[in-house]
mmCIF file of all heavy atoms, coordinates in Angstrom:
data_MODEL
# 
_entry.id   MODEL 
# 
loop_
_atom_site.group_PDB 
_atom_site.id 
_atom_site.type_symbol 
_atom_site.label_atom_id 
_atom_site.label_alt_id 
_atom_site.label_comp_id 
_atom_site.label_asym_id 
_atom_site.label_entity_id 
_atom_site.label_seq_id 
_atom_site.pdbx_PDB_ins_code 
_atom_site.Cartn_x 
_atom_site.Cartn_y 
_atom_site.Cartn_z 
_atom_site.occupancy 
_atom_site.B_iso_or_equiv 
_atom_site.pdbx_formal_charge 
_atom_site.auth_seq_id 
_atom_site.auth_comp_id 
_atom_site.auth_asym_id 
_atom_site.auth_atom_id 
_atom_site.pdbx_PDB_model_num 
ATOM 1   N N   . THR A 1 1  ? 189.317 178.497 188.821 1.00 0.00 ? 1  THR A N   1 
ATOM 2   C CA  . THR A 1 1  ? 189.856 177.826 187.619 1.00 0.00 ? 1  THR A CA  1 
ATOM 3   C C   . THR A 1 1  ? 189.555 176.330 187.656 1.00 0.00 ? 1  THR A C   1 
ATOM 4   O O   . THR A 1 1  ? 189.142 175.738 186.650 1.00 0.00 ? 1  THR A O   1 
ATOM 5   C CB  . THR A 1 1  ? 191.387 178.035 187.545 1.00 0.00 ? 1  THR A CB  1 
ATOM 6   O OG1 . THR A 1 1  ? 191.664 179.446 187.489 1.00 0.00 ? 1  THR A OG1 1 
ATOM 7   C CG2 . THR A 1 1  ? 191.962 177.342 186.323 1.00 0.00 ? 1  THR A CG2 1 
ATOM 8   N N   . MET A 1 2  ? 189.750 175.712 188.822 1.00 0.00 ? 2  MET A N   1 
ATOM 9   C CA  . MET A 1 2  ? 189.447 174.287 188.948 1.00 0.00 ? 2  MET A CA  1 
ATOM 10  C C   . MET A 1 2  ? 187.978 174.004 188.639 1.00 0.00 ? 2  MET A C   1 
ATOM 11  O O   . MET A 1 2  ? 187.647 173.062 187.920 1.00 0.00 ? 2  MET A O   1 
ATOM 12  C CB  . MET A 1 2  ? 189.788 173.837 190.380 1.00 0.00 ? 2  MET A CB  1 
ATOM 13  C CG  . MET A 1 2  ? 189.531 172.347 190.675 1.00 0.00 ? 2  MET A CG  1 
ATOM 14  S SD  . MET A 1 2  ? 187.810 172.003 191.198 1.00 0.00 ? 2  MET A SD  1 
ATOM 15  C CE  . MET A 1 2  ? 187.754 172.841 192.784 1.00 0.00 ? 2  MET A CE  1 
ATOM 16  N N   . LEU A 1 3  ? 187.074 174.834 189.167 1.00 0.00 ? 3  LEU A N   1 
ATOM 17  C CA  . LEU A 1 3  ? 185.643 174.626 188.969 1.00 0.00 ? 3  LEU A CA  1 
ATOM 18  C C   . LEU A 1 3  ? 185.257 174.768 187.485 1.00 0.00 ? 3  LEU A C   1 
ATOM 19  O O   . LEU A 1 3  ? 184.469 173.966 186.956 1.00 0.00 ? 3  LEU A O   1 
ATOM 20  C CB  . LEU A 1 3  ? 184.840 175.601 189.809 1.00 0.00 ? 3  LEU A CB  1 
ATOM 21  C CG  . LEU A 1 3  ? 184.911 175.380 191.334 1.00 0.00 ? 3  LEU A CG  1 
ATOM 22  C CD1 . LEU A 1 3  ? 184.235 176.524 192.082 1.00 0.00 ? 3  LEU A CD1 1 
ATOM 23  C CD2 . LEU A 1 3  ? 184.261 174.062 191.729 1.00 0.00 ? 3  LEU A CD2 1 
ATOM 24  N N   . THR A 1 4  ? 185.795 175.769 186.823 1.00 0.00 ? 4  THR A N   1 
ATOM 25  C CA  . THR A 1 4  ? 185.440 175.970 185.418 1.00 0.00 ? 4  THR A CA  1 
ATOM 26  C C   . THR A 1 4  ? 185.939 174.818 184.547 1.00 0.00 ? 4  THR A C   1 
ATOM 27  O O   . THR A 1 4  ? 185.246 174.391 183.620 1.00 0.00 ? 4  THR A O   1 
ATOM 28  C CB  . THR A 1 4  ? 186.008 177.303 184.890 1.00 0.00 ? 4  THR A CB  1 
ATOM 29  O OG1 . THR A 1 4  ? 187.431 177.323 185.054 1.00 0.00 ? 4  THR A OG1 1 
ATOM 30  C CG2 . THR A 1 4  ? 185.400 178.487 185.644 1.00 0.00 ? 4  THR A CG2 1 
ATOM 31  N N   . ARG A 1 5  ? 187.111 174.304 184.843 1.00 0.00 ? 5  ARG A N   1 
ATOM 32  C CA  . ARG A 1 5  ? 187.681 173.215 184.041 1.00 0.00 ? 5  ARG A CA  1 
ATOM 33  C C   . ARG A 1 5  ? 187.021 171.883 184.357 1.00 0.00 ? 5  ARG A C   1 
ATOM 34  O O   . ARG A 1 5  ? 186.770 171.068 183.468 1.00 0.00 ? 5  ARG A O   1 
ATOM 35  C CB  . ARG A 1 5  ? 189.183 173.135 184.269 1.00 0.00 ? 5  ARG A CB  1 
ATOM 36  C CG  . ARG A 1 5  ? 189.934 174.348 183.730 1.00 0.00 ? 5  ARG A CG  1 
ATOM 37  C CD  . ARG A 1 5  ? 191.435 174.243 183.988 1.00 0.00 ? 5  ARG A CD  1 
ATOM 38  N NE  . ARG A 1 5  ? 192.147 175.387 183.443 1.00 0.00 ? 5  ARG A NE  1 
ATOM 39  C CZ  . ARG A 1 5  ? 193.461 175.590 183.590 1.00 0.00 ? 5  ARG A CZ  1 
ATOM 40  N NH1 . ARG A 1 5  ? 194.185 174.707 184.269 1.00 0.00 ? 5  ARG A NH1 1 
ATOM 41  N NH2 . ARG A 1 5  ? 194.025 176.665 183.076 1.00 0.00 ? 5  ARG A NH2 1 
ATOM 42  N N   . LYS A 1 6  ? 186.741 171.646 185.622 1.00 0.00 ? 6  LYS A N   1 
ATOM 43  C CA  . LYS A 1 6  ? 186.209 170.338 186.027 1.00 0.00 ? 6  LYS A CA  1 
ATOM 44  C C   . LYS A 1 6  ? 184.740 170.193 185.675 1.00 0.00 ? 6  LYS A C   1 
ATOM 45  O O   . LYS A 1 6  ? 184.281 169.116 185.267 1.00 0.00 ? 6  LYS A O   1 
ATOM 46  C CB  . LYS A 1 6  ? 186.396 170.137 187.524 1.00 0.00 ? 6  LYS A CB  1 
ATOM 47  C CG  . LYS A 1 6  ? 186.018 168.755 188.023 1.00 0.00 ? 6  LYS A CG  1 
ATOM 48  C CD  . LYS A 1 6  ? 186.415 168.547 189.471 1.00 0.00 ? 6  LYS A CD  1 
ATOM 49  C CE  . LYS A 1 6  ? 186.105 167.126 189.942 1.00 0.00 ? 6  LYS A CE  1 
ATOM 50  N NZ  . LYS A 1 6  ? 186.537 166.904 191.334 1.00 0.00 ? 6  LYS A NZ  1 
ATOM 51  N N   . TYR A 1 7  ? 183.978 171.280 185.806 1.00 0.00 ? 7  TYR A N   1 
ATOM 52  C CA  . TYR A 1 7  ? 182.524 171.184 185.623 1.00 0.00 ? 7  TYR A CA  1 
ATOM 53  C C   . TYR A 1 7  ? 182.034 171.912 184.383 1.00 0.00 ? 7  TYR A C   1 
ATOM 54  O O   . TYR A 1 7  ? 180.830 171.907 184.108 1.00 0.00 ? 7  TYR A O   1 
ATOM 55  C CB  . TYR A 1 7  ? 181.812 171.727 186.848 1.00 0.00 ? 7  TYR A CB  1 
ATOM 56  C CG  . TYR A 1 7  ? 182.158 170.963 188.115 1.00 0.00 ? 7  TYR A CG  1 
ATOM 57  C CD1 . TYR A 1 7  ? 182.981 171.518 189.078 1.00 0.00 ? 7  TYR A CD1 1 
ATOM 58  C CD2 . TYR A 1 7  ? 181.684 169.654 188.315 1.00 0.00 ? 7  TYR A CD2 1 
ATOM 59  C CE1 . TYR A 1 7  ? 183.308 170.817 190.233 1.00 0.00 ? 7  TYR A CE1 1 
ATOM 60  C CE2 . TYR A 1 7  ? 182.002 168.955 189.470 1.00 0.00 ? 7  TYR A CE2 1 
ATOM 61  C CZ  . TYR A 1 7  ? 182.814 169.536 190.422 1.00 0.00 ? 7  TYR A CZ  1 
ATOM 62  O OH  . TYR A 1 7  ? 183.155 168.819 191.547 1.00 0.00 ? 7  TYR A OH  1 
ATOM 63  N N   . GLY A 1 8  ? 182.933 172.541 183.642 1.00 0.00 ? 8  GLY A N   1 
ATOM 64  C CA  . GLY A 1 8  ? 182.532 173.213 182.414 1.00 0.00 ? 8  GLY A CA  1 
ATOM 65  C C   . GLY A 1 8  ? 181.654 174.432 182.614 1.00 0.00 ? 8  GLY A C   1 
ATOM 66  O O   . GLY A 1 8  ? 180.916 174.826 181.702 1.00 0.00 ? 8  GLY A O   1 
ATOM 67  N N   . MET A 1 9  ? 181.722 175.031 183.767 1.00 0.00 ? 9  MET A N   1 
ATOM 68  C CA  . MET A 1 9  ? 180.898 176.223 184.047 1.00 0.00 ? 9  MET A CA  1 
ATOM 69  C C   . MET A 1 9  ? 181.702 177.491 183.738 1.00 0.00 ? 9  MET A C   1 
ATOM 70  O O   . MET A 1 9  ? 182.928 177.460 183.597 1.00 0.00 ? 9  MET A O   1 
ATOM 71  C CB  . MET A 1 9  ? 180.436 176.237 185.503 1.00 0.00 ? 9  MET A CB  1 
ATOM 72  C CG  . MET A 1 9  ? 181.551 176.209 186.530 1.00 0.00 ? 9  MET A CG  1 
ATOM 73  S SD  . MET A 1 9  ? 180.954 176.286 188.254 1.00 0.00 ? 9  MET A SD  1 
ATOM 74  C CE  . MET A 1 9  ? 180.038 174.748 188.390 1.00 0.00 ? 9  MET A CE  1 
ATOM 75  N N   . SER A 1 10 ? 181.001 178.596 183.653 1.00 0.00 ? 10 SER A N   1 
ATOM 76  C CA  . SER A 1 10 ? 181.667 179.870 183.431 1.00 0.00 ? 10 SER A CA  1 
ATOM 77  C C   . SER A 1 10 ? 182.267 180.363 184.747 1.00 0.00 ? 10 SER A C   1 
ATOM 78  O O   . SER A 1 10 ? 181.895 179.885 185.825 1.00 0.00 ? 10 SER A O   1 
ATOM 79  C CB  . SER A 1 10 ? 180.672 180.897 182.887 1.00 0.00 ? 10 SER A CB  1 
ATOM 80  O OG  . SER A 1 10 ? 179.711 181.221 183.904 1.00 0.00 ? 10 SER A OG  1 
ATOM 81  N N   . GLU A 1 11 ? 183.169 181.344 184.640 1.00 0.00 ? 11 GLU A N   1 
ATOM 82  C CA  . GLU A 1 11 ? 183.733 181.927 185.855 1.00 0.00 ? 11 GLU A CA  1 
ATOM 83  C C   . GLU A 1 11 ? 182.644 182.573 186.702 1.00 0.00 ? 11 GLU A C   1 
ATOM 84  O O   . GLU A 1 11 ? 182.687 182.512 187.921 1.00 0.00 ? 11 GLU A O   1 
ATOM 85  C CB  . GLU A 1 11 ? 184.816 182.932 185.497 1.00 0.00 ? 11 GLU A CB  1 
ATOM 86  C CG  . GLU A 1 11 ? 186.101 182.311 185.007 1.00 0.00 ? 11 GLU A CG  1 
ATOM 87  C CD  . GLU A 1 11 ? 187.241 183.296 184.948 1.00 0.00 ? 11 GLU A CD  1 
ATOM 88  O OE1 . GLU A 1 11 ? 187.073 184.437 185.461 1.00 0.00 ? 11 GLU A OE1 1 
ATOM 89  O OE2 . GLU A 1 11 ? 188.308 182.962 184.403 1.00 0.00 ? 11 GLU A OE2 1 
ATOM 90  N N   . ALA A 1 12 ? 181.674 183.190 186.035 1.00 0.00 ? 12 ALA A N   1 
ATOM 91  C CA  . ALA A 1 12 ? 180.593 183.836 186.780 1.00 0.00 ? 12 ALA A CA  1 
ATOM 92  C C   . ALA A 1 12 ? 179.777 182.810 187.548 1.00 0.00 ? 12 ALA A C   1 
ATOM 93  O O   . ALA A 1 12 ? 179.385 183.048 188.713 1.00 0.00 ? 12 ALA A O   1 
ATOM 94  C CB  . ALA A 1 12 ? 179.694 184.619 185.800 1.00 0.00 ? 12 ALA A CB  1 
ATOM 95  N N   . GLN A 1 13 ? 179.503 181.671 186.914 1.00 0.00 ? 13 GLN A N   1 
ATOM 96  C CA  . GLN A 1 13 ? 178.769 180.612 187.604 1.00 0.00 ? 13 GLN A CA  1 
ATOM 97  C C   . GLN A 1 13 ? 179.568 180.052 188.781 1.00 0.00 ? 13 GLN A C   1 
ATOM 98  O O   . GLN A 1 13 ? 179.015 179.803 189.847 1.00 0.00 ? 13 GLN A O   1 
ATOM 99  C CB  . GLN A 1 13 ? 178.432 179.499 186.616 1.00 0.00 ? 13 GLN A CB  1 
ATOM 100 C CG  . GLN A 1 13 ? 177.389 179.837 185.582 1.00 0.00 ? 13 GLN A CG  1 
ATOM 101 C CD  . GLN A 1 13 ? 177.247 178.758 184.527 1.00 0.00 ? 13 GLN A CD  1 
ATOM 102 O OE1 . GLN A 1 13 ? 178.243 178.173 184.075 1.00 0.00 ? 13 GLN A OE1 1 
ATOM 103 N NE2 . GLN A 1 13 ? 176.017 178.489 184.114 1.00 0.00 ? 13 GLN A NE2 1 
ATOM 104 N N   . ALA A 1 14 ? 180.870 179.855 188.558 1.00 0.00 ? 14 ALA A N   1 
ATOM 105 C CA  . ALA A 1 14 ? 181.711 179.324 189.623 1.00 0.00 ? 14 ALA A CA  1 
ATOM 106 C C   . ALA A 1 14 ? 181.765 180.308 190.803 1.00 0.00 ? 14 ALA A C   1 
ATOM 107 O O   . ALA A 1 14 ? 181.688 179.892 191.966 1.00 0.00 ? 14 ALA A O   1 
ATOM 108 C CB  . ALA A 1 14 ? 183.123 179.070 189.094 1.00 0.00 ? 14 ALA A CB  1 
ATOM 109 N N   . GLN A 1 15 ? 181.874 181.583 190.496 1.00 0.00 ? 15 GLN A N   1 
ATOM 110 C CA  . GLN A 1 15 ? 181.933 182.571 191.576 1.00 0.00 ? 15 GLN A CA  1 
ATOM 111 C C   . GLN A 1 15 ? 180.612 182.678 192.317 1.00 0.00 ? 15 GLN A C   1 
ATOM 112 O O   . GLN A 1 15 ? 180.568 182.850 193.543 1.00 0.00 ? 15 GLN A O   1 
ATOM 113 C CB  . GLN A 1 15 ? 182.338 183.944 191.023 1.00 0.00 ? 15 GLN A CB  1 
ATOM 114 C CG  . GLN A 1 15 ? 182.635 184.978 192.096 1.00 0.00 ? 15 GLN A CG  1 
ATOM 115 C CD  . GLN A 1 15 ? 183.744 184.519 193.024 1.00 0.00 ? 15 GLN A CD  1 
ATOM 116 O OE1 . GLN A 1 15 ? 184.882 184.342 192.610 1.00 0.00 ? 15 GLN A OE1 1 
ATOM 117 N NE2 . GLN A 1 15 ? 183.410 184.321 194.295 1.00 0.00 ? 15 GLN A NE2 1 
ATOM 118 N N   . ALA A 1 16 ? 179.510 182.545 191.578 1.00 0.00 ? 16 ALA A N   1 
ATOM 119 C CA  . ALA A 1 16 ? 178.197 182.569 192.225 1.00 0.00 ? 16 ALA A CA  1 
ATOM 120 C C   . ALA A 1 16 ? 178.051 181.399 193.190 1.00 0.00 ? 16 ALA A C   1 
ATOM 121 O O   . ALA A 1 16 ? 177.484 181.529 194.274 1.00 0.00 ? 16 ALA A O   1 
ATOM 122 C CB  . ALA A 1 16 ? 177.081 182.518 191.169 1.00 0.00 ? 16 ALA A CB  1 
ATOM 123 N N   . GLY A 1 17 ? 178.591 180.250 192.796 1.00 0.00 ? 17 GLY A N   1 
ATOM 124 C CA  . GLY A 1 17 ? 178.552 179.080 193.674 1.00 0.00 ? 17 GLY A CA  1 
ATOM 125 C C   . GLY A 1 17 ? 179.359 179.313 194.942 1.00 0.00 ? 17 GLY A C   1 
ATOM 126 O O   . GLY A 1 17 ? 178.939 178.937 196.036 1.00 0.00 ? 17 GLY A O   1 
ATOM 127 N N   . GLU A 1 18 ? 180.533 179.943 194.779 1.00 0.00 ? 18 GLU A N   1 
ATOM 128 C CA  . GLU A 1 18 ? 181.341 180.256 195.953 1.00 0.00 ? 18 GLU A CA  1 
ATOM 129 C C   . GLU A 1 18 ? 180.646 181.263 196.881 1.00 0.00 ? 18 GLU A C   1 
ATOM 130 O O   . GLU A 1 18 ? 180.701 181.161 198.104 1.00 0.00 ? 18 GLU A O   1 
ATOM 131 C CB  . GLU A 1 18 ? 182.694 180.811 195.499 1.00 0.00 ? 18 GLU A CB  1 
ATOM 132 C CG  . GLU A 1 18 ? 183.673 179.758 195.046 1.00 0.00 ? 18 GLU A CG  1 
ATOM 133 C CD  . GLU A 1 18 ? 184.121 178.866 196.185 1.00 0.00 ? 18 GLU A CD  1 
ATOM 134 O OE1 . GLU A 1 18 ? 184.912 179.306 197.035 1.00 0.00 ? 18 GLU A OE1 1 
ATOM 135 O OE2 . GLU A 1 18 ? 183.635 177.721 196.268 1.00 0.00 ? 18 GLU A OE2 1 
ATOM 136 N N   . ASP A 1 19 ? 179.976 182.226 196.291 1.00 0.00 ? 19 ASP A N   1 
ATOM 137 C CA  . ASP A 1 19 ? 179.253 183.213 197.087 1.00 0.00 ? 19 ASP A CA  1 
ATOM 138 C C   . ASP A 1 19 ? 178.107 182.536 197.877 1.00 0.00 ? 19 ASP A C   1 
ATOM 139 O O   . ASP A 1 19 ? 177.874 182.876 199.038 1.00 0.00 ? 19 ASP A O   1 
ATOM 140 C CB  . ASP A 1 19 ? 178.670 184.313 196.190 1.00 0.00 ? 19 ASP A CB  1 
ATOM 141 C CG  . ASP A 1 19 ? 179.764 185.208 195.603 1.00 0.00 ? 19 ASP A CG  1 
ATOM 142 O OD1 . ASP A 1 19 ? 180.888 185.221 196.168 1.00 0.00 ? 19 ASP A OD1 1 
ATOM 143 O OD2 . ASP A 1 19 ? 179.496 185.868 194.588 1.00 0.00 ? 19 ASP A OD2 1 
ATOM 144 N N   . ASN A 1 20 ? 177.447 181.585 197.225 1.00 0.00 ? 20 ASN A N   1 
ATOM 145 C CA  . ASN A 1 20 ? 176.381 180.854 197.906 1.00 0.00 ? 20 ASN A CA  1 
ATOM 146 C C   . ASN A 1 20 ? 176.953 180.035 199.068 1.00 0.00 ? 20 ASN A C   1 
ATOM 147 O O   . ASN A 1 20 ? 176.382 179.996 200.163 1.00 0.00 ? 20 ASN A O   1 
ATOM 148 C CB  . ASN A 1 20 ? 175.669 179.930 196.945 1.00 0.00 ? 20 ASN A CB  1 
ATOM 149 C CG  . ASN A 1 20 ? 174.634 179.066 197.634 1.00 0.00 ? 20 ASN A CG  1 
ATOM 150 O OD1 . ASN A 1 20 ? 173.713 179.545 198.258 1.00 0.00 ? 20 ASN A OD1 1 
ATOM 151 N ND2 . ASN A 1 20 ? 174.802 177.745 197.549 1.00 0.00 ? 20 ASN A ND2 1 
ATOM 152 N N   . LEU A 1 21 ? 178.078 179.384 198.834 1.00 0.00 ? 21 LEU A N   1 
ATOM 153 C CA  . LEU A 1 21 ? 178.719 178.616 199.893 1.00 0.00 ? 21 LEU A CA  1 
ATOM 154 C C   . LEU A 1 21 ? 179.140 179.526 201.048 1.00 0.00 ? 21 LEU A C   1 
ATOM 155 O O   . LEU A 1 21 ? 179.029 179.151 202.217 1.00 0.00 ? 21 LEU A O   1 
ATOM 156 C CB  . LEU A 1 21 ? 179.931 177.860 199.335 1.00 0.00 ? 21 LEU A CB  1 
ATOM 157 C CG  . LEU A 1 21 ? 179.593 176.568 198.636 1.00 0.00 ? 21 LEU A CG  1 
ATOM 158 C CD1 . LEU A 1 21 ? 180.757 176.120 197.739 1.00 0.00 ? 21 LEU A CD1 1 
ATOM 159 C CD2 . LEU A 1 21 ? 179.257 175.482 199.659 1.00 0.00 ? 21 LEU A CD2 1 
ATOM 160 N N   . GLY A 1 22 ? 179.614 180.717 200.724 1.00 0.00 ? 22 GLY A N   1 
ATOM 161 C CA  . GLY A 1 22 ? 179.990 181.665 201.777 1.00 0.00 ? 22 GLY A CA  1 
ATOM 162 C C   . GLY A 1 22 ? 178.814 182.035 202.645 1.00 0.00 ? 22 GLY A C   1 
ATOM 163 O O   . GLY A 1 22 ? 178.939 182.139 203.858 1.00 0.00 ? 22 GLY A O   1 
ATOM 164 N N   . ALA A 1 23 ? 177.665 182.192 202.012 1.00 0.00 ? 23 ALA A N   1 
ATOM 165 C CA  . ALA A 1 23 ? 176.452 182.527 202.780 1.00 0.00 ? 23 ALA A CA  1 
ATOM 166 C C   . ALA A 1 23 ? 176.004 181.354 203.649 1.00 0.00 ? 23 ALA A C   1 
ATOM 167 O O   . ALA A 1 23 ? 175.584 181.531 204.803 1.00 0.00 ? 23 ALA A O   1 
ATOM 168 C CB  . ALA A 1 23 ? 175.322 182.928 201.816 1.00 0.00 ? 23 ALA A CB  1 
ATOM 169 N N   . GLN A 1 24 ? 176.104 180.146 203.109 1.00 0.00 ? 24 GLN A N   1 
ATOM 170 C CA  . GLN A 1 24 ? 175.740 178.950 203.881 1.00 0.00 ? 24 GLN A CA  1 
ATOM 171 C C   . GLN A 1 24 ? 176.664 178.797 205.073 1.00 0.00 ? 24 GLN A C   1 
ATOM 172 O O   . GLN A 1 24 ? 176.253 178.433 206.181 1.00 0.00 ? 24 GLN A O   1 
ATOM 173 C CB  . GLN A 1 24 ? 175.830 177.717 202.977 1.00 0.00 ? 24 GLN A CB  1 
ATOM 174 C CG  . GLN A 1 24 ? 174.882 177.705 201.802 1.00 0.00 ? 24 GLN A CG  1 
ATOM 175 C CD  . GLN A 1 24 ? 173.509 177.166 202.153 1.00 0.00 ? 24 GLN A CD  1 
ATOM 176 O OE1 . GLN A 1 24 ? 173.294 176.664 203.248 1.00 0.00 ? 24 GLN A OE1 1 
ATOM 177 N NE2 . GLN A 1 24 ? 172.581 177.253 201.225 1.00 0.00 ? 24 GLN A NE2 1 
ATOM 178 N N   . ALA A 1 25 ? 177.963 179.025 204.862 1.00 0.00 ? 25 ALA A N   1 
ATOM 179 C CA  . ALA A 1 25 ? 178.918 178.914 205.937 1.00 0.00 ? 25 ALA A CA  1 
ATOM 180 C C   . ALA A 1 25 ? 178.664 179.978 207.020 1.00 0.00 ? 25 ALA A C   1 
ATOM 181 O O   . ALA A 1 25 ? 178.685 179.677 208.222 1.00 0.00 ? 25 ALA A O   1 
ATOM 182 C CB  . ALA A 1 25 ? 180.342 179.065 205.403 1.00 0.00 ? 25 ALA A CB  1 
ATOM 183 N N   . ALA A 1 26 ? 178.395 181.191 206.581 1.00 0.00 ? 26 ALA A N   1 
ATOM 184 C CA  . ALA A 1 26 ? 178.132 182.273 207.528 1.00 0.00 ? 26 ALA A CA  1 
ATOM 185 C C   . ALA A 1 26 ? 176.931 181.976 208.395 1.00 0.00 ? 26 ALA A C   1 
ATOM 186 O O   . ALA A 1 26 ? 176.897 182.298 209.600 1.00 0.00 ? 26 ALA A O   1 
ATOM 187 C CB  . ALA A 1 26 ? 177.940 183.590 206.774 1.00 0.00 ? 26 ALA A CB  1 
ATOM 188 N N   . ALA A 1 27 ? 175.922 181.302 207.833 1.00 0.00 ? 27 ALA A N   1 
ATOM 189 C CA  . ALA A 1 27 ? 174.736 180.954 208.598 1.00 0.00 ? 27 ALA A CA  1 
ATOM 190 C C   . ALA A 1 27 ? 175.045 179.975 209.720 1.00 0.00 ? 27 ALA A C   1 
ATOM 191 O O   . ALA A 1 27 ? 174.298 179.871 210.696 1.00 0.00 ? 27 ALA A O   1 
ATOM 192 C CB  . ALA A 1 27 ? 173.672 180.357 207.666 1.00 0.00 ? 27 ALA A CB  1 
ATOM 193 N N   . GLU A 1 28 ? 176.160 179.249 209.577 1.00 0.00 ? 28 GLU A N   1 
ATOM 194 C CA  . GLU A 1 28 ? 176.583 178.301 210.620 1.00 0.00 ? 28 GLU A CA  1 
ATOM 195 C C   . GLU A 1 28 ? 177.669 178.890 211.512 1.00 0.00 ? 28 GLU A C   1 
ATOM 196 O O   . GLU A 1 28 ? 178.275 178.188 212.330 1.00 0.00 ? 28 GLU A O   1 
ATOM 197 C CB  . GLU A 1 28 ? 177.114 177.013 209.971 1.00 0.00 ? 28 GLU A CB  1 
ATOM 198 C CG  . GLU A 1 28 ? 176.128 176.319 209.050 1.00 0.00 ? 28 GLU A CG  1 
ATOM 199 C CD  . GLU A 1 28 ? 174.817 175.956 209.731 1.00 0.00 ? 28 GLU A CD  1 
ATOM 200 O OE1 . GLU A 1 28 ? 174.848 175.692 210.951 1.00 0.00 ? 28 GLU A OE1 1 
ATOM 201 O OE2 . GLU A 1 28 ? 173.776 175.949 209.055 1.00 0.00 ? 28 GLU A OE2 1 
# 
């Protein structure tokens, strides 16, 4: 919710970003 309101992105875009961050974190 914070991401969609702050950056004007859709929920799908916000969730995709979180999924990408999860993958980056897992790599570390």
